[in-house]
């Protein structure tokens, strides 16, 4: 069993599994929902289709081409480190964290690089189609990242008696994100919680032997 589930195979399993799940969800959302259409699952969980040009959770900084290029470089660097970590026999949990971060970044790269070519524009009145006759909505590298998970865990108004913000609308956790973003966040959080002391040793072990 240990030979079957080697660290390298575990990393590949995570990469392919997360990537497939992420892309299946995004393609379904893109080809079945109008832009900004919302499906209520519970009071605190919605499927809300939106798209963004920026980084994780819809942050918008710098230009689109820069962001896509940055993602590609980041994935190449993380992929190199993951390969070295596996070769050096690093802890399995640590390798899982790195694989989650790598795959999440890769999932959003696919959107940025290919979705503009593969789909037409999603609007309030048009559901996008795959490989439309008239071509996609943007050139290669200029696609938008599909987001859909929305968790307004607390949706209320501040009490009127509170200074400055009294009566204002308040939503706790308003970002809309996708499965790839969740993989990145889970990988980073788990790494910081369980492997923060291991990070420096892992880095030096790999770079010294490279």
N, C-alpha and C. Protein backbone atom coordinates (compact mmCIF):
# COMPACT_ATOMS: atom_id res chain seq x y z
N UNK A 1 0.83 -1.21 0.00
CA UNK A 1 0.00 0.00 0.00
C UNK A 1 0.86 1.26 0.00
N UNK A 2 1.99 1.23 0.78
CA UNK A 2 2.87 2.39 0.83
C UNK A 2 3.52 2.64 -0.52
N UNK A 3 3.80 1.55 -1.28
CA UNK A 3 4.39 1.72 -2.60
C UNK A 3 3.38 2.29 -3.58
N UNK A 4 2.10 1.94 -3.38
CA UNK A 4 1.05 2.44 -4.26
C UNK A 4 0.84 3.94 -4.06
N UNK A 5 0.78 4.36 -2.78
CA UNK A 5 0.56 5.77 -2.46
C UNK A 5 1.88 6.43 -2.05
N UNK A 6 2.78 6.57 -3.01
CA UNK A 6 4.02 7.29 -2.77
C UNK A 6 3.71 8.78 -2.68
N UNK A 7 4.65 9.54 -2.16
CA UNK A 7 4.42 10.98 -1.99
C UNK A 7 4.21 11.67 -3.34
N UNK A 8 4.93 11.21 -4.35
CA UNK A 8 4.75 11.78 -5.67
C UNK A 8 3.38 11.49 -6.23
N UNK A 9 2.88 10.28 -6.03
CA UNK A 9 1.56 9.91 -6.54
C UNK A 9 0.46 10.64 -5.77
N UNK A 10 0.67 10.83 -4.47
CA UNK A 10 -0.31 11.59 -3.68
C UNK A 10 -0.40 13.01 -4.19
N UNK A 11 0.75 13.63 -4.47
CA UNK A 11 0.77 14.99 -5.01
C UNK A 11 0.06 15.06 -6.35
N UNK A 12 0.32 14.10 -7.23
CA UNK A 12 -0.34 14.08 -8.54
C UNK A 12 -1.84 13.85 -8.41
N UNK A 13 -2.24 12.99 -7.47
CA UNK A 13 -3.66 12.73 -7.24
C UNK A 13 -4.38 14.00 -6.80
N UNK A 14 -3.76 14.74 -5.91
CA UNK A 14 -4.34 16.00 -5.45
C UNK A 14 -4.44 17.00 -6.60
N UNK A 15 -3.36 17.11 -7.36
CA UNK A 15 -3.33 18.06 -8.48
C UNK A 15 -4.45 17.78 -9.48
N UNK A 16 -4.54 16.52 -9.92
CA UNK A 16 -5.56 16.18 -10.93
C UNK A 16 -6.97 16.26 -10.35
N UNK A 17 -7.17 15.80 -9.12
CA UNK A 17 -8.51 15.80 -8.52
C UNK A 17 -9.03 17.21 -8.32
N UNK A 18 -8.22 18.06 -7.70
CA UNK A 18 -8.66 19.44 -7.43
C UNK A 18 -8.86 20.20 -8.74
N UNK A 19 -7.98 19.98 -9.70
CA UNK A 19 -8.08 20.68 -10.99
C UNK A 19 -9.35 20.28 -11.72
N UNK A 20 -9.66 18.99 -11.74
CA UNK A 20 -10.86 18.51 -12.43
C UNK A 20 -12.12 19.05 -11.75
N UNK A 21 -12.18 18.97 -10.41
CA UNK A 21 -13.35 19.47 -9.69
C UNK A 21 -13.53 20.96 -9.94
N UNK A 22 -12.44 21.70 -9.85
CA UNK A 22 -12.49 23.15 -10.05
C UNK A 22 -13.02 23.50 -11.44
N UNK A 23 -12.50 22.85 -12.46
CA UNK A 23 -12.90 23.17 -13.83
C UNK A 23 -14.32 22.70 -14.16
N UNK A 24 -14.71 21.56 -13.63
CA UNK A 24 -16.09 21.09 -13.84
C UNK A 24 -17.09 22.08 -13.26
N UNK A 25 -16.83 22.55 -12.04
CA UNK A 25 -17.71 23.53 -11.40
C UNK A 25 -17.77 24.81 -12.23
N UNK A 26 -16.61 25.32 -12.64
CA UNK A 26 -16.55 26.59 -13.37
C UNK A 26 -17.25 26.49 -14.73
N UNK A 27 -17.00 25.41 -15.46
CA UNK A 27 -17.63 25.25 -16.78
C UNK A 27 -19.14 25.13 -16.63
N UNK A 28 -19.59 24.40 -15.62
CA UNK A 28 -21.05 24.26 -15.40
C UNK A 28 -21.66 25.63 -15.09
N UNK A 29 -21.04 26.36 -14.18
CA UNK A 29 -21.55 27.68 -13.82
C UNK A 29 -21.58 28.60 -15.04
N UNK A 30 -20.50 28.59 -15.79
CA UNK A 30 -20.36 29.48 -16.95
C UNK A 30 -21.40 29.17 -18.02
N UNK A 31 -21.73 27.91 -18.21
CA UNK A 31 -22.65 27.51 -19.29
C UNK A 31 -24.09 27.27 -18.83
N UNK A 32 -24.38 27.54 -17.55
CA UNK A 32 -25.74 27.32 -17.07
C UNK A 32 -26.34 28.51 -16.32
N UNK A 33 -25.54 29.53 -16.02
CA UNK A 33 -26.04 30.64 -15.22
C UNK A 33 -25.76 31.98 -15.91
N UNK A 34 -26.68 32.93 -15.70
CA UNK A 34 -26.46 34.29 -16.16
C UNK A 34 -25.47 34.98 -15.22
N UNK A 35 -24.78 35.97 -15.73
CA UNK A 35 -23.86 36.75 -14.91
C UNK A 35 -24.61 37.40 -13.76
N UNK A 36 -24.14 37.21 -12.55
CA UNK A 36 -24.72 37.71 -11.31
C UNK A 36 -26.03 37.01 -10.94
N UNK A 37 -26.31 35.89 -11.56
CA UNK A 37 -27.43 35.07 -11.12
C UNK A 37 -27.06 34.40 -9.80
N UNK A 38 -28.05 34.26 -8.93
CA UNK A 38 -27.80 33.71 -7.60
C UNK A 38 -28.73 32.54 -7.32
N UNK A 39 -28.20 31.49 -6.73
CA UNK A 39 -28.99 30.35 -6.29
C UNK A 39 -28.83 30.23 -4.78
N UNK A 40 -29.93 30.37 -4.06
CA UNK A 40 -29.88 30.30 -2.59
C UNK A 40 -29.83 28.85 -2.14
N UNK A 41 -28.77 28.48 -1.46
CA UNK A 41 -28.65 27.13 -0.90
C UNK A 41 -29.16 27.11 0.55
N UNK A 42 -28.69 28.06 1.34
CA UNK A 42 -29.17 28.29 2.71
C UNK A 42 -29.14 29.80 2.94
N UNK A 43 -29.50 30.24 4.15
CA UNK A 43 -29.46 31.66 4.47
C UNK A 43 -28.03 32.19 4.45
N UNK A 44 -27.06 31.31 4.61
CA UNK A 44 -25.66 31.76 4.70
C UNK A 44 -24.78 31.22 3.57
N UNK A 45 -25.39 30.58 2.59
CA UNK A 45 -24.60 30.04 1.48
C UNK A 45 -25.37 30.19 0.17
N UNK A 46 -24.74 30.87 -0.79
CA UNK A 46 -25.32 31.08 -2.11
C UNK A 46 -24.33 30.65 -3.19
N UNK A 47 -24.87 30.16 -4.30
CA UNK A 47 -24.09 30.03 -5.53
C UNK A 47 -24.36 31.32 -6.31
N UNK A 48 -23.35 32.16 -6.42
CA UNK A 48 -23.51 33.47 -7.04
C UNK A 48 -22.45 33.62 -8.13
N UNK A 49 -22.89 33.61 -9.37
CA UNK A 49 -21.95 33.64 -10.49
C UNK A 49 -21.43 35.04 -10.77
N UNK A 50 -20.13 35.19 -10.65
CA UNK A 50 -19.49 36.45 -11.03
C UNK A 50 -18.12 36.12 -11.61
N UNK A 51 -17.47 37.11 -12.17
CA UNK A 51 -16.14 36.93 -12.74
C UNK A 51 -15.26 38.09 -12.31
N UNK A 52 -13.95 37.84 -12.26
CA UNK A 52 -13.04 38.91 -11.89
C UNK A 52 -11.75 38.83 -12.71
N UNK A 53 -11.07 39.95 -12.80
CA UNK A 53 -9.81 40.03 -13.54
C UNK A 53 -8.59 39.90 -12.64
N UNK A 54 -8.84 39.84 -11.34
CA UNK A 54 -7.73 39.95 -10.41
C UNK A 54 -7.30 38.68 -9.75
N UNK A 55 -6.79 38.81 -8.55
CA UNK A 55 -6.23 37.71 -7.78
C UNK A 55 -7.34 36.99 -7.04
N UNK A 56 -6.94 36.17 -6.06
CA UNK A 56 -7.91 35.39 -5.30
C UNK A 56 -8.93 36.29 -4.61
N UNK A 57 -10.17 35.82 -4.50
CA UNK A 57 -11.28 36.50 -3.85
C UNK A 57 -11.63 37.83 -4.50
N UNK A 58 -11.27 37.97 -5.81
CA UNK A 58 -11.72 39.13 -6.56
C UNK A 58 -10.91 40.39 -6.39
N UNK A 59 -9.76 40.32 -5.73
CA UNK A 59 -8.93 41.52 -5.59
C UNK A 59 -8.42 41.96 -6.96
N UNK A 60 -8.41 43.26 -7.19
CA UNK A 60 -8.00 43.80 -8.49
C UNK A 60 -6.78 44.70 -8.32
N UNK A 61 -5.61 44.23 -8.69
CA UNK A 61 -4.40 45.04 -8.63
C UNK A 61 -3.57 44.81 -9.88
N UNK A 62 -2.94 45.87 -10.36
CA UNK A 62 -2.10 45.83 -11.55
C UNK A 62 -2.92 45.46 -12.78
N UNK A 63 -2.25 45.20 -13.89
CA UNK A 63 -2.93 44.91 -15.14
C UNK A 63 -3.19 43.42 -15.33
N UNK A 64 -4.10 43.13 -16.24
CA UNK A 64 -4.52 41.74 -16.48
C UNK A 64 -3.36 40.88 -16.97
N UNK A 65 -2.61 41.35 -17.95
CA UNK A 65 -1.51 40.56 -18.50
C UNK A 65 -0.45 40.31 -17.44
N UNK A 66 -0.20 41.31 -16.60
CA UNK A 66 0.77 41.15 -15.51
C UNK A 66 0.32 40.06 -14.55
N UNK A 67 -0.97 40.09 -14.19
CA UNK A 67 -1.49 39.11 -13.25
C UNK A 67 -1.40 37.69 -13.80
N UNK A 68 -1.76 37.52 -15.07
CA UNK A 68 -1.69 36.20 -15.68
C UNK A 68 -0.25 35.72 -15.76
N UNK A 69 0.65 36.60 -16.16
CA UNK A 69 2.07 36.24 -16.24
C UNK A 69 2.62 35.90 -14.86
N UNK A 70 2.21 36.68 -13.85
CA UNK A 70 2.65 36.43 -12.48
C UNK A 70 2.19 35.07 -12.00
N UNK A 71 0.93 34.72 -12.31
CA UNK A 71 0.41 33.41 -11.92
C UNK A 71 1.23 32.28 -12.55
N UNK A 72 1.54 32.42 -13.82
CA UNK A 72 2.28 31.38 -14.53
C UNK A 72 3.68 31.20 -13.92
N UNK A 73 4.35 32.32 -13.65
CA UNK A 73 5.68 32.25 -13.03
C UNK A 73 5.59 31.63 -11.64
N UNK A 74 4.58 32.06 -10.87
CA UNK A 74 4.41 31.53 -9.51
C UNK A 74 4.17 30.03 -9.52
N UNK A 75 3.33 29.56 -10.46
CA UNK A 75 3.06 28.13 -10.55
C UNK A 75 4.31 27.35 -10.94
N UNK A 76 5.11 27.91 -11.84
CA UNK A 76 6.35 27.26 -12.24
C UNK A 76 7.31 27.12 -11.05
N UNK A 77 7.41 28.18 -10.25
CA UNK A 77 8.29 28.15 -9.07
C UNK A 77 7.77 27.16 -8.03
N UNK A 78 6.46 27.21 -7.75
CA UNK A 78 5.88 26.29 -6.76
C UNK A 78 6.00 24.85 -7.24
N UNK A 79 5.78 24.64 -8.54
CA UNK A 79 5.92 23.29 -9.11
C UNK A 79 7.34 22.75 -8.96
N UNK A 80 8.33 23.62 -9.16
CA UNK A 80 9.73 23.21 -9.00
C UNK A 80 10.00 22.82 -7.55
N UNK A 81 9.51 23.64 -6.61
CA UNK A 81 9.70 23.33 -5.20
C UNK A 81 8.99 22.03 -4.82
N UNK A 82 7.78 21.83 -5.33
CA UNK A 82 7.04 20.61 -5.03
C UNK A 82 7.81 19.39 -5.51
N UNK A 83 8.35 19.45 -6.71
CA UNK A 83 9.16 18.36 -7.25
C UNK A 83 10.36 18.07 -6.34
N UNK A 84 11.03 19.11 -5.89
CA UNK A 84 12.18 18.95 -5.01
C UNK A 84 11.77 18.40 -3.65
N UNK A 85 10.65 18.89 -3.12
CA UNK A 85 10.17 18.40 -1.83
C UNK A 85 9.88 16.90 -1.88
N UNK A 86 9.27 16.46 -2.98
CA UNK A 86 8.97 15.03 -3.14
C UNK A 86 10.27 14.23 -3.24
N UNK A 87 11.21 14.72 -4.03
CA UNK A 87 12.49 14.02 -4.19
C UNK A 87 13.26 13.92 -2.88
N UNK A 88 13.18 14.96 -2.05
CA UNK A 88 13.90 14.97 -0.78
C UNK A 88 13.15 14.24 0.33
N UNK A 89 11.96 13.72 0.01
CA UNK A 89 11.21 12.93 1.00
C UNK A 89 10.64 13.75 2.14
N UNK A 90 10.19 14.98 1.83
CA UNK A 90 9.59 15.81 2.87
C UNK A 90 8.30 15.18 3.39
N UNK A 91 7.81 15.69 4.51
CA UNK A 91 6.62 15.13 5.13
C UNK A 91 5.43 15.15 4.17
N UNK A 92 4.64 14.08 4.23
CA UNK A 92 3.51 13.95 3.30
C UNK A 92 2.52 15.09 3.45
N UNK A 93 2.20 15.47 4.69
CA UNK A 93 1.26 16.56 4.92
C UNK A 93 1.74 17.86 4.33
N UNK A 94 3.04 18.10 4.43
CA UNK A 94 3.64 19.31 3.87
C UNK A 94 3.52 19.30 2.35
N UNK A 95 3.77 18.16 1.74
CA UNK A 95 3.64 18.02 0.28
C UNK A 95 2.19 18.23 -0.16
N UNK A 96 1.25 17.74 0.63
CA UNK A 96 -0.18 17.95 0.33
C UNK A 96 -0.51 19.44 0.32
N UNK A 97 0.01 20.18 1.30
CA UNK A 97 -0.23 21.63 1.37
C UNK A 97 0.30 22.34 0.13
N UNK A 98 1.53 22.00 -0.26
CA UNK A 98 2.14 22.64 -1.43
C UNK A 98 1.36 22.28 -2.69
N UNK A 99 0.92 21.03 -2.79
CA UNK A 99 0.15 20.58 -3.96
C UNK A 99 -1.18 21.33 -4.06
N UNK A 100 -1.83 21.59 -2.93
CA UNK A 100 -3.09 22.34 -2.93
C UNK A 100 -2.88 23.77 -3.42
N UNK A 101 -1.81 24.41 -2.93
CA UNK A 101 -1.51 25.78 -3.35
C UNK A 101 -1.20 25.82 -4.85
N UNK A 102 -0.38 24.88 -5.30
CA UNK A 102 -0.02 24.81 -6.72
C UNK A 102 -1.26 24.62 -7.59
N UNK A 103 -2.11 23.69 -7.21
CA UNK A 103 -3.28 23.37 -8.04
C UNK A 103 -4.28 24.51 -8.06
N UNK A 104 -4.46 25.18 -6.92
CA UNK A 104 -5.37 26.32 -6.88
C UNK A 104 -4.91 27.42 -7.83
N UNK A 105 -3.62 27.71 -7.81
CA UNK A 105 -3.08 28.72 -8.71
C UNK A 105 -3.23 28.29 -10.17
N UNK A 106 -2.98 27.01 -10.43
CA UNK A 106 -3.10 26.49 -11.79
C UNK A 106 -4.54 26.55 -12.29
N UNK A 107 -5.49 26.26 -11.41
CA UNK A 107 -6.91 26.32 -11.79
C UNK A 107 -7.32 27.70 -12.26
N UNK A 108 -6.85 28.75 -11.57
CA UNK A 108 -7.20 30.12 -11.97
C UNK A 108 -6.42 30.56 -13.20
N UNK A 109 -5.24 29.99 -13.42
CA UNK A 109 -4.49 30.29 -14.64
C UNK A 109 -5.26 29.82 -15.87
N UNK A 110 -5.88 28.64 -15.78
CA UNK A 110 -6.64 28.11 -16.91
C UNK A 110 -7.73 29.10 -17.31
N UNK A 111 -8.42 29.67 -16.33
CA UNK A 111 -9.46 30.68 -16.61
C UNK A 111 -8.85 31.87 -17.32
N UNK A 112 -7.76 32.40 -16.74
CA UNK A 112 -7.15 33.61 -17.26
C UNK A 112 -6.61 33.44 -18.68
N UNK A 113 -6.02 32.28 -18.93
CA UNK A 113 -5.38 32.06 -20.23
C UNK A 113 -6.39 31.66 -21.29
N UNK A 114 -7.33 30.77 -20.96
CA UNK A 114 -8.15 30.12 -21.99
C UNK A 114 -9.62 30.55 -22.05
N UNK A 115 -10.20 30.98 -20.95
CA UNK A 115 -11.66 31.18 -20.94
C UNK A 115 -12.11 32.27 -21.90
N UNK A 116 -11.29 33.29 -22.10
CA UNK A 116 -11.66 34.34 -23.04
C UNK A 116 -11.79 33.84 -24.46
N UNK A 117 -11.04 32.79 -24.80
CA UNK A 117 -11.07 32.20 -26.14
C UNK A 117 -12.15 31.13 -26.24
N UNK A 118 -12.37 30.39 -25.16
CA UNK A 118 -13.27 29.24 -25.19
C UNK A 118 -14.75 29.60 -25.03
N UNK A 119 -15.06 30.74 -24.42
CA UNK A 119 -16.45 31.10 -24.12
C UNK A 119 -16.76 32.50 -24.65
N UNK A 120 -18.05 32.72 -24.96
CA UNK A 120 -18.48 34.09 -25.23
C UNK A 120 -18.88 34.76 -23.93
N UNK A 121 -19.22 36.03 -23.99
CA UNK A 121 -19.46 36.83 -22.80
C UNK A 121 -20.68 36.36 -22.02
N UNK A 122 -20.54 36.31 -20.70
CA UNK A 122 -21.68 36.07 -19.82
C UNK A 122 -22.27 37.41 -19.44
N UNK A 123 -23.58 37.57 -19.60
CA UNK A 123 -24.24 38.82 -19.25
C UNK A 123 -25.51 38.51 -18.47
N UNK A 124 -26.23 39.58 -18.09
CA UNK A 124 -27.50 39.40 -17.38
C UNK A 124 -28.55 38.74 -18.26
N UNK A 125 -28.37 38.82 -19.58
CA UNK A 125 -29.37 38.28 -20.50
C UNK A 125 -28.85 37.15 -21.39
N UNK A 126 -27.57 36.78 -21.23
CA UNK A 126 -26.98 35.74 -22.08
C UNK A 126 -26.15 34.77 -21.25
N UNK A 127 -26.46 33.49 -21.43
CA UNK A 127 -25.64 32.44 -20.83
C UNK A 127 -24.55 32.07 -21.83
N UNK A 128 -23.33 32.01 -21.37
CA UNK A 128 -22.20 31.74 -22.26
C UNK A 128 -22.26 30.33 -22.84
N UNK A 129 -21.73 30.18 -24.02
CA UNK A 129 -21.63 28.87 -24.65
C UNK A 129 -20.16 28.53 -24.90
N UNK A 130 -19.88 27.24 -24.96
CA UNK A 130 -18.51 26.76 -25.16
C UNK A 130 -18.18 26.76 -26.65
N UNK A 131 -17.04 27.32 -27.01
CA UNK A 131 -16.56 27.40 -28.39
C UNK A 131 -17.63 28.01 -29.31
N UNK A 132 -18.04 29.25 -29.04
CA UNK A 132 -19.07 29.89 -29.87
C UNK A 132 -18.57 30.17 -31.28
N UNK A 133 -19.49 30.20 -32.23
CA UNK A 133 -19.14 30.44 -33.63
C UNK A 133 -18.47 31.79 -33.84
N UNK A 134 -18.91 32.79 -33.12
CA UNK A 134 -18.35 34.13 -33.29
C UNK A 134 -17.05 34.35 -32.55
N UNK A 135 -16.56 33.33 -31.89
CA UNK A 135 -15.33 33.48 -31.13
C UNK A 135 -15.58 33.87 -29.69
N UNK A 136 -14.52 33.86 -28.89
CA UNK A 136 -14.65 34.16 -27.48
C UNK A 136 -14.75 35.64 -27.18
N UNK A 137 -14.83 35.96 -25.89
CA UNK A 137 -15.03 37.35 -25.49
C UNK A 137 -13.72 38.11 -25.29
N UNK A 138 -12.58 37.41 -25.33
CA UNK A 138 -11.30 38.10 -25.09
C UNK A 138 -10.16 37.30 -25.72
N UNK A 139 -9.02 37.94 -25.99
CA UNK A 139 -7.86 37.22 -26.53
C UNK A 139 -7.25 36.28 -25.50
N UNK A 140 -6.34 35.44 -25.96
CA UNK A 140 -5.58 34.56 -25.08
C UNK A 140 -4.91 35.38 -23.98
N UNK A 141 -4.91 34.86 -22.77
CA UNK A 141 -4.31 35.50 -21.59
C UNK A 141 -5.18 36.60 -20.98
N UNK A 142 -6.32 36.90 -21.57
CA UNK A 142 -7.16 37.98 -21.05
C UNK A 142 -8.52 37.47 -20.56
N UNK A 143 -8.63 36.20 -20.25
CA UNK A 143 -9.88 35.66 -19.73
C UNK A 143 -10.14 36.07 -18.30
N UNK A 144 -11.39 35.95 -17.88
CA UNK A 144 -11.79 36.29 -16.51
C UNK A 144 -11.91 35.01 -15.68
N UNK A 145 -11.61 35.14 -14.40
CA UNK A 145 -11.70 34.00 -13.48
C UNK A 145 -13.14 33.88 -12.99
N UNK A 146 -13.69 32.68 -13.05
CA UNK A 146 -15.07 32.42 -12.63
C UNK A 146 -15.12 32.17 -11.12
N UNK A 147 -15.97 32.90 -10.43
CA UNK A 147 -16.20 32.74 -8.99
C UNK A 147 -17.66 32.41 -8.76
N UNK A 148 -17.93 31.70 -7.65
CA UNK A 148 -19.33 31.29 -7.42
C UNK A 148 -19.72 31.05 -5.96
N UNK A 149 -18.80 30.86 -5.06
CA UNK A 149 -19.16 30.54 -3.67
C UNK A 149 -19.27 31.82 -2.84
N UNK A 150 -20.44 32.02 -2.24
CA UNK A 150 -20.70 33.24 -1.47
C UNK A 150 -21.29 32.84 -0.12
N UNK A 151 -20.60 33.25 0.95
CA UNK A 151 -21.00 32.86 2.30
C UNK A 151 -21.27 34.10 3.17
N UNK A 152 -22.42 34.76 3.00
CA UNK A 152 -22.75 35.89 3.89
C UNK A 152 -23.23 35.37 5.24
N UNK A 153 -22.29 34.89 6.05
CA UNK A 153 -22.62 34.21 7.30
C UNK A 153 -23.45 35.11 8.21
N UNK A 154 -23.09 36.39 8.26
CA UNK A 154 -23.87 37.38 9.02
C UNK A 154 -24.25 38.50 8.06
N UNK A 155 -25.53 38.70 7.86
CA UNK A 155 -26.03 39.75 6.96
C UNK A 155 -27.04 40.58 7.74
N UNK A 156 -26.61 41.75 8.22
CA UNK A 156 -27.45 42.54 9.11
C UNK A 156 -27.11 44.01 9.00
N UNK A 157 -27.68 44.82 9.87
CA UNK A 157 -27.35 46.25 9.97
C UNK A 157 -26.74 46.53 11.34
N UNK A 158 -25.79 47.45 11.38
CA UNK A 158 -25.24 47.86 12.66
C UNK A 158 -26.33 48.55 13.48
N UNK A 159 -26.34 48.38 14.81
CA UNK A 159 -27.33 49.08 15.65
C UNK A 159 -27.27 50.59 15.45
N UNK A 160 -28.42 51.24 15.49
CA UNK A 160 -28.51 52.68 15.24
C UNK A 160 -27.69 53.49 16.23
N UNK A 161 -27.54 52.98 17.47
CA UNK A 161 -26.86 53.76 18.50
C UNK A 161 -25.34 53.80 18.31
N UNK A 162 -24.79 53.00 17.40
CA UNK A 162 -23.34 52.97 17.23
C UNK A 162 -22.88 54.20 16.45
N UNK A 163 -21.86 54.90 16.96
CA UNK A 163 -21.37 56.10 16.25
C UNK A 163 -20.78 55.77 14.89
N UNK A 164 -20.95 56.65 13.94
CA UNK A 164 -20.40 56.59 12.59
C UNK A 164 -21.01 55.50 11.71
N UNK A 165 -21.12 54.28 12.22
CA UNK A 165 -21.59 53.16 11.38
C UNK A 165 -23.01 52.71 11.72
N UNK A 166 -23.66 53.39 12.66
CA UNK A 166 -25.01 53.00 13.06
C UNK A 166 -25.98 52.98 11.89
N UNK A 167 -26.68 51.87 11.72
CA UNK A 167 -27.66 51.72 10.64
C UNK A 167 -27.09 51.23 9.33
N UNK A 168 -25.76 51.24 9.19
CA UNK A 168 -25.13 50.78 7.95
C UNK A 168 -25.28 49.27 7.79
N UNK A 169 -25.34 48.85 6.54
CA UNK A 169 -25.45 47.42 6.25
C UNK A 169 -24.11 46.74 6.48
N UNK A 170 -24.16 45.56 7.09
CA UNK A 170 -22.93 44.83 7.42
C UNK A 170 -23.06 43.37 6.98
N UNK A 171 -22.07 42.89 6.23
CA UNK A 171 -22.01 41.48 5.84
C UNK A 171 -20.68 40.92 6.31
N UNK A 172 -20.75 39.86 7.10
CA UNK A 172 -19.52 39.20 7.52
C UNK A 172 -19.14 38.15 6.48
N UNK A 173 -17.96 38.28 5.94
CA UNK A 173 -17.39 37.45 4.88
C UNK A 173 -18.16 37.62 3.57
N UNK A 174 -17.86 38.72 2.90
CA UNK A 174 -18.53 39.03 1.64
C UNK A 174 -17.79 38.59 0.39
N UNK A 175 -16.50 38.15 0.44
CA UNK A 175 -15.84 37.74 -0.80
C UNK A 175 -16.55 36.58 -1.49
N UNK A 176 -16.52 36.60 -2.82
CA UNK A 176 -17.04 35.49 -3.62
C UNK A 176 -15.82 34.80 -4.23
N UNK A 177 -15.74 33.49 -4.07
CA UNK A 177 -14.53 32.78 -4.46
C UNK A 177 -14.87 31.48 -5.17
N UNK A 178 -13.84 30.76 -5.61
CA UNK A 178 -14.06 29.50 -6.31
C UNK A 178 -13.31 28.36 -5.62
N UNK A 179 -13.41 27.17 -6.18
CA UNK A 179 -12.80 25.99 -5.57
C UNK A 179 -11.28 26.11 -5.55
N UNK A 180 -10.71 26.72 -6.58
CA UNK A 180 -9.25 26.90 -6.64
C UNK A 180 -8.79 27.84 -5.52
N UNK A 181 -9.53 28.93 -5.29
CA UNK A 181 -9.21 29.84 -4.19
C UNK A 181 -9.23 29.09 -2.86
N UNK A 182 -10.25 28.23 -2.69
CA UNK A 182 -10.38 27.47 -1.44
C UNK A 182 -9.19 26.54 -1.25
N UNK A 183 -8.73 25.92 -2.35
CA UNK A 183 -7.56 25.03 -2.27
C UNK A 183 -6.32 25.79 -1.83
N UNK A 184 -6.12 26.98 -2.41
CA UNK A 184 -4.98 27.81 -2.03
C UNK A 184 -5.06 28.19 -0.56
N UNK A 185 -6.22 28.64 -0.11
CA UNK A 185 -6.40 29.07 1.27
C UNK A 185 -6.19 27.92 2.24
N UNK A 186 -6.77 26.75 1.94
CA UNK A 186 -6.62 25.58 2.81
C UNK A 186 -5.15 25.15 2.89
N UNK A 187 -4.46 25.18 1.74
CA UNK A 187 -3.06 24.81 1.72
C UNK A 187 -2.20 25.74 2.55
N UNK A 188 -2.43 27.05 2.41
CA UNK A 188 -1.65 28.04 3.16
C UNK A 188 -1.96 27.96 4.65
N UNK A 189 -3.24 27.89 5.00
CA UNK A 189 -3.63 27.85 6.42
C UNK A 189 -3.07 26.59 7.10
N UNK A 190 -3.22 25.44 6.44
CA UNK A 190 -2.71 24.19 7.01
C UNK A 190 -1.19 24.24 7.15
N UNK A 191 -0.52 24.83 6.17
CA UNK A 191 0.94 24.93 6.22
C UNK A 191 1.38 25.80 7.40
N UNK A 192 0.70 26.93 7.58
CA UNK A 192 1.06 27.83 8.68
C UNK A 192 0.74 27.22 10.04
N UNK A 193 -0.35 26.47 10.11
CA UNK A 193 -0.75 25.86 11.39
C UNK A 193 0.13 24.69 11.79
N UNK A 194 0.46 23.85 10.81
CA UNK A 194 1.13 22.59 11.15
C UNK A 194 2.60 22.50 10.71
N UNK A 195 3.00 23.37 9.78
CA UNK A 195 4.35 23.22 9.24
C UNK A 195 5.14 24.53 9.20
N UNK A 196 4.73 25.51 10.00
CA UNK A 196 5.42 26.80 9.98
C UNK A 196 6.89 26.66 10.40
N UNK A 197 7.16 25.81 11.40
CA UNK A 197 8.54 25.59 11.84
C UNK A 197 9.33 24.74 10.85
N UNK A 198 8.61 24.03 10.00
CA UNK A 198 9.23 23.11 9.04
C UNK A 198 9.61 23.82 7.74
N UNK A 199 8.99 24.99 7.50
CA UNK A 199 9.17 25.69 6.23
C UNK A 199 10.62 26.06 5.96
N UNK A 200 11.28 26.68 6.93
CA UNK A 200 12.66 27.13 6.74
C UNK A 200 13.59 25.94 6.49
N UNK A 201 13.40 24.86 7.26
CA UNK A 201 14.23 23.67 7.09
C UNK A 201 14.01 23.05 5.71
N UNK A 202 12.75 23.01 5.27
CA UNK A 202 12.43 22.44 3.96
C UNK A 202 13.06 23.25 2.84
N UNK A 203 12.98 24.58 2.95
CA UNK A 203 13.57 25.45 1.94
C UNK A 203 15.08 25.24 1.83
N UNK A 204 15.75 25.24 2.97
CA UNK A 204 17.21 25.09 2.94
C UNK A 204 17.64 23.71 2.49
N UNK A 205 16.85 22.68 2.86
CA UNK A 205 17.18 21.31 2.45
C UNK A 205 17.12 21.18 0.93
N UNK A 206 16.17 21.85 0.32
CA UNK A 206 16.01 21.77 -1.14
C UNK A 206 17.05 22.62 -1.86
N UNK A 207 17.23 23.87 -1.42
CA UNK A 207 18.14 24.77 -2.12
C UNK A 207 19.61 24.37 -1.97
N UNK A 208 19.95 23.77 -0.85
CA UNK A 208 21.34 23.34 -0.66
C UNK A 208 21.72 22.18 -1.56
N UNK A 209 20.72 21.34 -1.88
CA UNK A 209 20.99 20.15 -2.67
C UNK A 209 20.66 20.34 -4.14
N UNK A 210 20.25 21.57 -4.51
CA UNK A 210 19.86 21.83 -5.91
C UNK A 210 21.07 22.23 -6.73
